[in-house]
């Protein structure tokens, strides 16, 4: 890490005290969102901070290494999408430790990446529930933006989505449901495919 990045990282970490919210952090802890440090800074405040610093891949990488909620969220906001690689995302994917971070990674960063469809189709098959949440929330965003999967990819998605709807993790089920509803918006043919899936889950969904 170069000296400028190091100093900016320290400056950012010091600034969290200005925005900290004890009740928010406590509420997150009760919901199982666990970090070494959690200042409870709101998402609007973090977005404001990210905008002030701008896109910076070196700083984003340094922020992600910190086991601090606010640092990881800022990393997802400040990483330039053109700096993403499959290798980097696989590393980050193994380090996601909350549903909040999984969703924000999809919303703040991955939906803008050219390799997003391939990553989503890969992570929906993962045994890692956080990666599954990323995958299905990412697909929801991509479907909302008009993505239409090729027939083989579509059938693969429907098979895995059907299985994921039976997952014990509520966050996974929520993400899958979100993606299915967004896919239904693509047209009647897609709506019929989703209806078929849901009919087969009568009493579960």
C-alpha atoms as a PDB file:
ATOM      1  CA  UNK A   1       0.000   0.000   0.000  1.00  0.00           C
ATOM      2  CA  UNK A   2       1.471   3.354  -0.999  1.00  0.00           C
ATOM      3  CA  UNK A   3       1.704   6.240   1.467  1.00  0.00           C
ATOM      4  CA  UNK A   4      -1.132   8.265  -0.071  1.00  0.00           C
ATOM      5  CA  UNK A   5      -3.523   5.302   0.088  1.00  0.00           C
ATOM      6  CA  UNK A   6      -2.435   4.565   3.645  1.00  0.00           C
ATOM      7  CA  UNK A   7      -3.130   8.137   4.751  1.00  0.00           C
ATOM      8  CA  UNK A   8      -6.518   8.228   3.005  1.00  0.00           C
ATOM      9  CA  UNK A   9      -7.468   4.947   4.666  1.00  0.00           C
ATOM     10  CA  UNK A  10      -6.596   6.329   8.097  1.00  0.00           C
ATOM     11  CA  UNK A  11      -8.532   9.514   7.358  1.00  0.00           C
ATOM     12  CA  UNK A  12     -11.626   7.548   6.368  1.00  0.00           C
ATOM     13  CA  UNK A  13     -11.493   5.332   9.446  1.00  0.00           C
ATOM     14  CA  UNK A  14     -11.161   8.382  11.720  1.00  0.00           C
ATOM     15  CA  UNK A  15     -14.159  10.026  10.055  1.00  0.00           C
ATOM     16  CA  UNK A  16     -16.524   7.182  11.022  1.00  0.00           C
ATOM     17  CA  UNK A  17     -16.757   8.622  14.519  1.00  0.00           C
ATOM     18  CA  UNK A  18     -18.518  11.673  13.082  1.00  0.00           C
ATOM     19  CA  UNK A  19     -21.276   9.529  11.618  1.00  0.00           C
ATOM     20  CA  UNK A  20     -21.485   6.673  14.107  1.00  0.00           C
ATOM     21  CA  UNK A  21     -24.863   5.376  15.281  1.00  0.00           C
ATOM     22  CA  UNK A  22     -24.750   3.136  18.342  1.00  0.00           C
ATOM     23  CA  UNK A  23     -28.386   1.984  18.089  1.00  0.00           C
ATOM     24  CA  UNK A  24     -27.932   1.048  14.423  1.00  0.00           C
ATOM     25  CA  UNK A  25     -24.795  -0.950  15.155  1.00  0.00           C
ATOM     26  CA  UNK A  26     -26.503  -2.688  18.084  1.00  0.00           C
ATOM     27  CA  UNK A  27     -29.506  -3.578  15.925  1.00  0.00           C
ATOM     28  CA  UNK A  28     -27.223  -5.081  13.284  1.00  0.00           C
ATOM     29  CA  UNK A  29     -25.438  -7.122  15.924  1.00  0.00           C
ATOM     30  CA  UNK A  30     -28.752  -8.515  17.129  1.00  0.00           C
ATOM     31  CA  UNK A  31     -29.547  -9.522  13.537  1.00  0.00           C
ATOM     32  CA  UNK A  32     -26.296 -11.464  13.253  1.00  0.00           C
ATOM     33  CA  UNK A  33     -24.363  -8.923  11.172  1.00  0.00           C
ATOM     34  CA  UNK A  34     -20.925  -9.466  12.626  1.00  0.00           C
ATOM     35  CA  UNK A  35     -17.801  -7.385  12.048  1.00  0.00           C
ATOM     36  CA  UNK A  36     -14.758  -6.695  14.195  1.00  0.00           C
ATOM     37  CA  UNK A  37     -15.916  -3.051  14.207  1.00  0.00           C
ATOM     38  CA  UNK A  38     -19.325  -1.692  13.188  1.00  0.00           C
ATOM     39  CA  UNK A  39     -19.919   2.042  13.559  1.00  0.00           C
ATOM     40  CA  UNK A  40     -23.509   1.879  12.338  1.00  0.00           C
ATOM     41  CA  UNK A  41     -22.957   4.586   9.708  1.00  0.00           C
ATOM     42  CA  UNK A  42     -25.999   4.966   7.414  1.00  0.00           C
ATOM     43  CA  UNK A  43     -25.832   4.038   3.735  1.00  0.00           C
ATOM     44  CA  UNK A  44     -26.619   7.602   2.567  1.00  0.00           C
ATOM     45  CA  UNK A  45     -23.685   8.899   4.619  1.00  0.00           C
ATOM     46  CA  UNK A  46     -21.390   6.225   3.198  1.00  0.00           C
ATOM     47  CA  UNK A  47     -22.481   7.057  -0.340  1.00  0.00           C
ATOM     48  CA  UNK A  48     -21.719  10.715   0.364  1.00  0.00           C
ATOM     49  CA  UNK A  49     -18.241   9.791   1.623  1.00  0.00           C
ATOM     50  CA  UNK A  50     -17.589   7.591  -1.411  1.00  0.00           C
ATOM     51  CA  UNK A  51     -18.587  10.408  -3.756  1.00  0.00           C
ATOM     52  CA  UNK A  52     -16.165  12.769  -2.021  1.00  0.00           C
ATOM     53  CA  UNK A  53     -13.220  10.397  -2.489  1.00  0.00           C
ATOM     54  CA  UNK A  54     -14.179   9.174  -5.960  1.00  0.00           C
ATOM     55  CA  UNK A  55     -13.271   5.919  -7.654  1.00  0.00           C
ATOM     56  CA  UNK A  56      -9.923   4.533  -6.488  1.00  0.00           C
ATOM     57  CA  UNK A  57      -8.976   0.880  -6.934  1.00  0.00           C
ATOM     58  CA  UNK A  58      -5.997   0.991  -4.554  1.00  0.00           C
ATOM     59  CA  UNK A  59      -8.060   2.567  -1.790  1.00  0.00           C
ATOM     60  CA  UNK A  60     -10.978   0.199  -2.426  1.00  0.00           C
ATOM     61  CA  UNK A  61      -8.678  -2.817  -2.112  1.00  0.00           C
ATOM     62  CA  UNK A  62      -7.265  -1.451   1.150  1.00  0.00           C
ATOM     63  CA  UNK A  63     -10.751  -0.752   2.504  1.00  0.00           C
ATOM     64  CA  UNK A  64     -11.953  -4.266   1.723  1.00  0.00           C
ATOM     65  CA  UNK A  65      -9.121  -5.754   3.758  1.00  0.00           C
ATOM     66  CA  UNK A  66     -10.459  -4.071   6.898  1.00  0.00           C
ATOM     67  CA  UNK A  67     -12.929  -6.159   8.908  1.00  0.00           C
ATOM     68  CA  UNK A  68     -15.073  -3.065   9.399  1.00  0.00           C
ATOM     69  CA  UNK A  69     -18.583  -2.853   7.965  1.00  0.00           C
ATOM     70  CA  UNK A  70     -18.213   0.705   6.716  1.00  0.00           C
ATOM     71  CA  UNK A  71     -14.874  -0.004   5.028  1.00  0.00           C
ATOM     72  CA  UNK A  72     -16.258  -2.940   3.059  1.00  0.00           C
ATOM     73  CA  UNK A  73     -19.311  -0.978   1.934  1.00  0.00           C
ATOM     74  CA  UNK A  74     -17.101   1.915   0.828  1.00  0.00           C
ATOM     75  CA  UNK A  75     -14.944  -0.549  -1.102  1.00  0.00           C
ATOM     76  CA  UNK A  76     -18.013  -1.663  -3.059  1.00  0.00           C
ATOM     77  CA  UNK A  77     -18.823   1.971  -3.845  1.00  0.00           C
ATOM     78  CA  UNK A  78     -15.305   3.134  -4.701  1.00  0.00           C
ATOM     79  CA  UNK A  79     -13.931   0.221  -6.736  1.00  0.00           C
ATOM     80  CA  UNK A  80     -13.864   1.162 -10.458  1.00  0.00           C
ATOM     81  CA  UNK A  81     -15.811  -1.496 -12.345  1.00  0.00           C
ATOM     82  CA  UNK A  82     -13.099  -1.644 -15.016  1.00  0.00           C
ATOM     83  CA  UNK A  83     -10.640  -2.837 -12.345  1.00  0.00           C
ATOM     84  CA  UNK A  84     -12.665  -5.952 -11.524  1.00  0.00           C
ATOM     85  CA  UNK A  85     -11.341  -9.388 -12.402  1.00  0.00           C
ATOM     86  CA  UNK A  86     -12.728 -12.886 -11.908  1.00  0.00           C
ATOM     87  CA  UNK A  87      -9.860 -13.661  -9.554  1.00  0.00           C
ATOM     88  CA  UNK A  88     -10.543 -10.611  -7.397  1.00  0.00           C
ATOM     89  CA  UNK A  89     -14.261 -11.356  -7.197  1.00  0.00           C
ATOM     90  CA  UNK A  90     -13.642 -14.954  -6.173  1.00  0.00           C
ATOM     91  CA  UNK A  91     -11.427 -13.661  -3.368  1.00  0.00           C
ATOM     92  CA  UNK A  92     -13.985 -11.103  -2.241  1.00  0.00           C
ATOM     93  CA  UNK A  93     -16.754 -13.664  -2.565  1.00  0.00           C
ATOM     94  CA  UNK A  94     -15.123 -15.870   0.044  1.00  0.00           C
ATOM     95  CA  UNK A  95     -14.933 -12.936   2.470  1.00  0.00           C
ATOM     96  CA  UNK A  96     -18.575 -11.767   2.437  1.00  0.00           C
ATOM     97  CA  UNK A  97     -19.876 -12.211   5.981  1.00  0.00           C
ATOM     98  CA  UNK A  98     -23.374 -10.723   5.939  1.00  0.00           C
ATOM     99  CA  UNK A  99     -26.526 -10.563   3.856  1.00  0.00           C
ATOM    100  CA  UNK A 100     -26.232  -6.777   3.820  1.00  0.00           C
ATOM    101  CA  UNK A 101     -22.777  -6.921   2.254  1.00  0.00           C
ATOM    102  CA  UNK A 102     -23.845  -9.554  -0.266  1.00  0.00           C
ATOM    103  CA  UNK A 103     -26.730  -7.380  -1.439  1.00  0.00           C
ATOM    104  CA  UNK A 104     -24.691  -4.172  -1.529  1.00  0.00           C
ATOM    105  CA  UNK A 105     -21.889  -5.802  -3.507  1.00  0.00           C
ATOM    106  CA  UNK A 106     -24.434  -6.755  -6.156  1.00  0.00           C
ATOM    107  CA  UNK A 107     -26.206  -3.393  -6.141  1.00  0.00           C
ATOM    108  CA  UNK A 108     -23.253  -1.003  -5.756  1.00  0.00           C
ATOM    109  CA  UNK A 109     -20.734  -2.666  -8.024  1.00  0.00           C
ATOM    110  CA  UNK A 110     -21.354  -5.977  -9.745  1.00  0.00           C
ATOM    111  CA  UNK A 111     -24.471  -5.040 -11.699  1.00  0.00           C
ATOM    112  CA  UNK A 112     -22.304  -2.680 -13.773  1.00  0.00           C
ATOM    113  CA  UNK A 113     -19.635  -5.297 -14.615  1.00  0.00           C
ATOM    114  CA  UNK A 114     -19.539  -6.893 -18.062  1.00  0.00           C
ATOM    115  CA  UNK A 115     -18.838 -10.327 -16.515  1.00  0.00           C
ATOM    116  CA  UNK A 116     -21.776 -10.035 -14.096  1.00  0.00           C
ATOM    117  CA  UNK A 117     -24.042 -12.600 -15.827  1.00  0.00           C
ATOM    118  CA  UNK A 118     -21.297 -15.231 -15.836  1.00  0.00           C
ATOM    119  CA  UNK A 119     -20.448 -14.560 -12.186  1.00  0.00           C
ATOM    120  CA  UNK A 120     -24.106 -14.783 -11.160  1.00  0.00           C
ATOM    121  CA  UNK A 121     -24.622 -18.057 -13.007  1.00  0.00           C
ATOM    122  CA  UNK A 122     -21.495 -19.443 -11.324  1.00  0.00           C
ATOM    123  CA  UNK A 123     -22.266 -18.267  -7.787  1.00  0.00           C
ATOM    124  CA  UNK A 124     -25.886 -19.436  -7.811  1.00  0.00           C
ATOM    125  CA  UNK A 125     -24.426 -22.961  -7.827  1.00  0.00           C
ATOM    126  CA  UNK A 126     -22.123 -22.211  -4.892  1.00  0.00           C
ATOM    127  CA  UNK A 127     -22.475 -23.908  -1.528  1.00  0.00           C
ATOM    128  CA  UNK A 128     -21.757 -20.503   0.025  1.00  0.00           C
ATOM    129  CA  UNK A 129     -25.083 -18.871   0.956  1.00  0.00           C
ATOM    130  CA  UNK A 130     -23.658 -15.353   0.811  1.00  0.00           C
ATOM    131  CA  UNK A 131     -22.488 -15.958  -2.750  1.00  0.00           C
ATOM    132  CA  UNK A 132     -25.932 -17.294  -3.611  1.00  0.00           C
ATOM    133  CA  UNK A 133     -27.501 -14.084  -2.295  1.00  0.00           C
ATOM    134  CA  UNK A 134     -25.119 -12.049  -4.450  1.00  0.00           C
ATOM    135  CA  UNK A 135     -25.958 -14.195  -7.468  1.00  0.00           C
ATOM    136  CA  UNK A 136     -29.732 -13.960  -7.253  1.00  0.00           C
ATOM    137  CA  UNK A 137     -29.835 -10.268  -6.257  1.00  0.00           C
ATOM    138  CA  UNK A 138     -27.443  -9.573  -9.121  1.00  0.00           C
ATOM    139  CA  UNK A 139     -29.662 -11.479 -11.546  1.00  0.00           C
ATOM    140  CA  UNK A 140     -32.655  -9.507 -10.268  1.00  0.00           C
ATOM    141  CA  UNK A 141     -30.887  -6.275 -11.201  1.00  0.00           C
ATOM    142  CA  UNK A 142     -29.747  -7.646 -14.550  1.00  0.00           C
ATOM    143  CA  UNK A 143     -33.261  -8.880 -15.405  1.00  0.00           C
ATOM    144  CA  UNK A 144     -34.641  -5.461 -14.439  1.00  0.00           C
ATOM    145  CA  UNK A 145     -32.150  -3.952 -16.888  1.00  0.00           C
ATOM    146  CA  UNK A 146     -33.366  -6.255 -19.674  1.00  0.00           C
ATOM    147  CA  UNK A 147     -30.969  -9.212 -19.511  1.00  0.00           C
ATOM    148  CA  UNK A 148     -32.350 -12.329 -21.212  1.00  0.00           C
ATOM    149  CA  UNK A 149     -30.429 -15.542 -20.598  1.00  0.00           C
ATOM    150  CA  UNK A 150     -29.701 -18.010 -23.368  1.00  0.00           C
ATOM    151  CA  UNK A 151     -32.011 -21.050 -23.280  1.00  0.00           C
ATOM    152  CA  UNK A 152     -29.484 -23.391 -21.618  1.00  0.00           C
ATOM    153  CA  UNK A 153     -28.552 -20.724 -19.051  1.00  0.00           C
ATOM    154  CA  UNK A 154     -32.236 -20.026 -18.435  1.00  0.00           C
ATOM    155  CA  UNK A 155     -33.032 -23.672 -17.740  1.00  0.00           C
ATOM    156  CA  UNK A 156     -29.995 -23.908 -15.474  1.00  0.00           C
ATOM    157  CA  UNK A 157     -31.158 -20.815 -13.590  1.00  0.00           C
ATOM    158  CA  UNK A 158     -34.684 -22.184 -13.124  1.00  0.00           C
ATOM    159  CA  UNK A 159     -33.379 -25.518 -11.822  1.00  0.00           C
ATOM    160  CA  UNK A 160     -31.103 -23.892  -9.257  1.00  0.00           C
ATOM    161  CA  UNK A 161     -33.672 -21.254  -8.311  1.00  0.00           C
ATOM    162  CA  UNK A 162     -36.197 -24.013  -7.622  1.00  0.00           C
ATOM    163  CA  UNK A 163     -33.754 -25.703  -5.269  1.00  0.00           C
ATOM    164  CA  UNK A 164     -32.734 -22.439  -3.617  1.00  0.00           C
ATOM    165  CA  UNK A 165     -36.356 -21.623  -2.760  1.00  0.00           C
ATOM    166  CA  UNK A 166     -36.183 -24.549  -0.340  1.00  0.00           C
ATOM    167  CA  UNK A 167     -33.077 -23.173   1.370  1.00  0.00           C
ATOM    168  CA  UNK A 168     -33.311 -22.606   5.131  1.00  0.00           C
ATOM    169  CA  UNK A 169     -31.594 -19.220   4.824  1.00  0.00           C
ATOM    170  CA  UNK A 170     -34.284 -16.541   4.512  1.00  0.00           C
ATOM    171  CA  UNK A 171     -31.895 -14.195   2.695  1.00  0.00           C
ATOM    172  CA  UNK A 172     -31.314 -16.746  -0.050  1.00  0.00           C
ATOM    173  CA  UNK A 173     -35.039 -17.352  -0.497  1.00  0.00           C
ATOM    174  CA  UNK A 174     -35.681 -13.595  -0.594  1.00  0.00           C
ATOM    175  CA  UNK A 175     -32.995 -13.083  -3.251  1.00  0.00           C
ATOM    176  CA  UNK A 176     -34.325 -15.933  -5.399  1.00  0.00           C
ATOM    177  CA  UNK A 177     -37.886 -14.622  -5.142  1.00  0.00           C
ATOM    178  CA  UNK A 178     -36.723 -11.159  -6.121  1.00  0.00           C
ATOM    179  CA  UNK A 179     -34.928 -12.505  -9.188  1.00  0.00           C
ATOM    180  CA  UNK A 180     -37.943 -14.587 -10.267  1.00  0.00           C
ATOM    181  CA  UNK A 181     -40.282 -11.606 -10.062  1.00  0.00           C
ATOM    182  CA  UNK A 182     -37.862  -9.460 -12.039  1.00  0.00           C
ATOM    183  CA  UNK A 183     -37.603 -12.180 -14.686  1.00  0.00           C
ATOM    184  CA  UNK A 184     -41.397 -12.298 -14.969  1.00  0.00           C
ATOM    185  CA  UNK A 185     -41.296  -8.641 -16.015  1.00  0.00           C
ATOM    186  CA  UNK A 186     -39.384  -9.632 -19.160  1.00  0.00           C
ATOM    187  CA  UNK A 187     -42.563 -10.913 -20.828  1.00  0.00           C
ATOM    188  CA  UNK A 188     -45.303 -13.509 -20.983  1.00  0.00           C
ATOM    189  CA  UNK A 189     -43.025 -16.408 -21.925  1.00  0.00           C
ATOM    190  CA  UNK A 190     -40.878 -15.784 -18.858  1.00  0.00           C
ATOM    191  CA  UNK A 191     -43.946 -15.319 -16.657  1.00  0.00           C
ATOM    192  CA  UNK A 192     -45.185 -18.753 -17.704  1.00  0.00           C
ATOM    193  CA  UNK A 193     -41.849 -20.362 -16.871  1.00  0.00           C
ATOM    194  CA  UNK A 194     -41.858 -18.830 -13.394  1.00  0.00           C
ATOM    195  CA  UNK A 195     -45.482 -19.843 -12.835  1.00  0.00           C
ATOM    196  CA  UNK A 196     -44.505 -23.418 -13.628  1.00  0.00           C
ATOM    197  CA  UNK A 197     -41.719 -23.259 -11.049  1.00  0.00           C
ATOM    198  CA  UNK A 198     -43.998 -21.829  -8.365  1.00  0.00           C
ATOM    199  CA  UNK A 199     -46.769 -24.332  -9.028  1.00  0.00           C
ATOM    200  CA  UNK A 200     -44.281 -27.118  -8.381  1.00  0.00           C
ATOM    201  CA  UNK A 201     -43.508 -25.576  -5.001  1.00  0.00           C
ATOM    202  CA  UNK A 202     -47.094 -25.399  -3.784  1.00  0.00           C
ATOM    203  CA  UNK A 203     -47.053 -25.345   0.001  1.00  0.00           C
ATOM    204  CA  UNK A 204     -43.407 -24.266   0.139  1.00  0.00           C
ATOM    205  CA  UNK A 205     -43.323 -20.911  -1.643  1.00  0.00           C
END
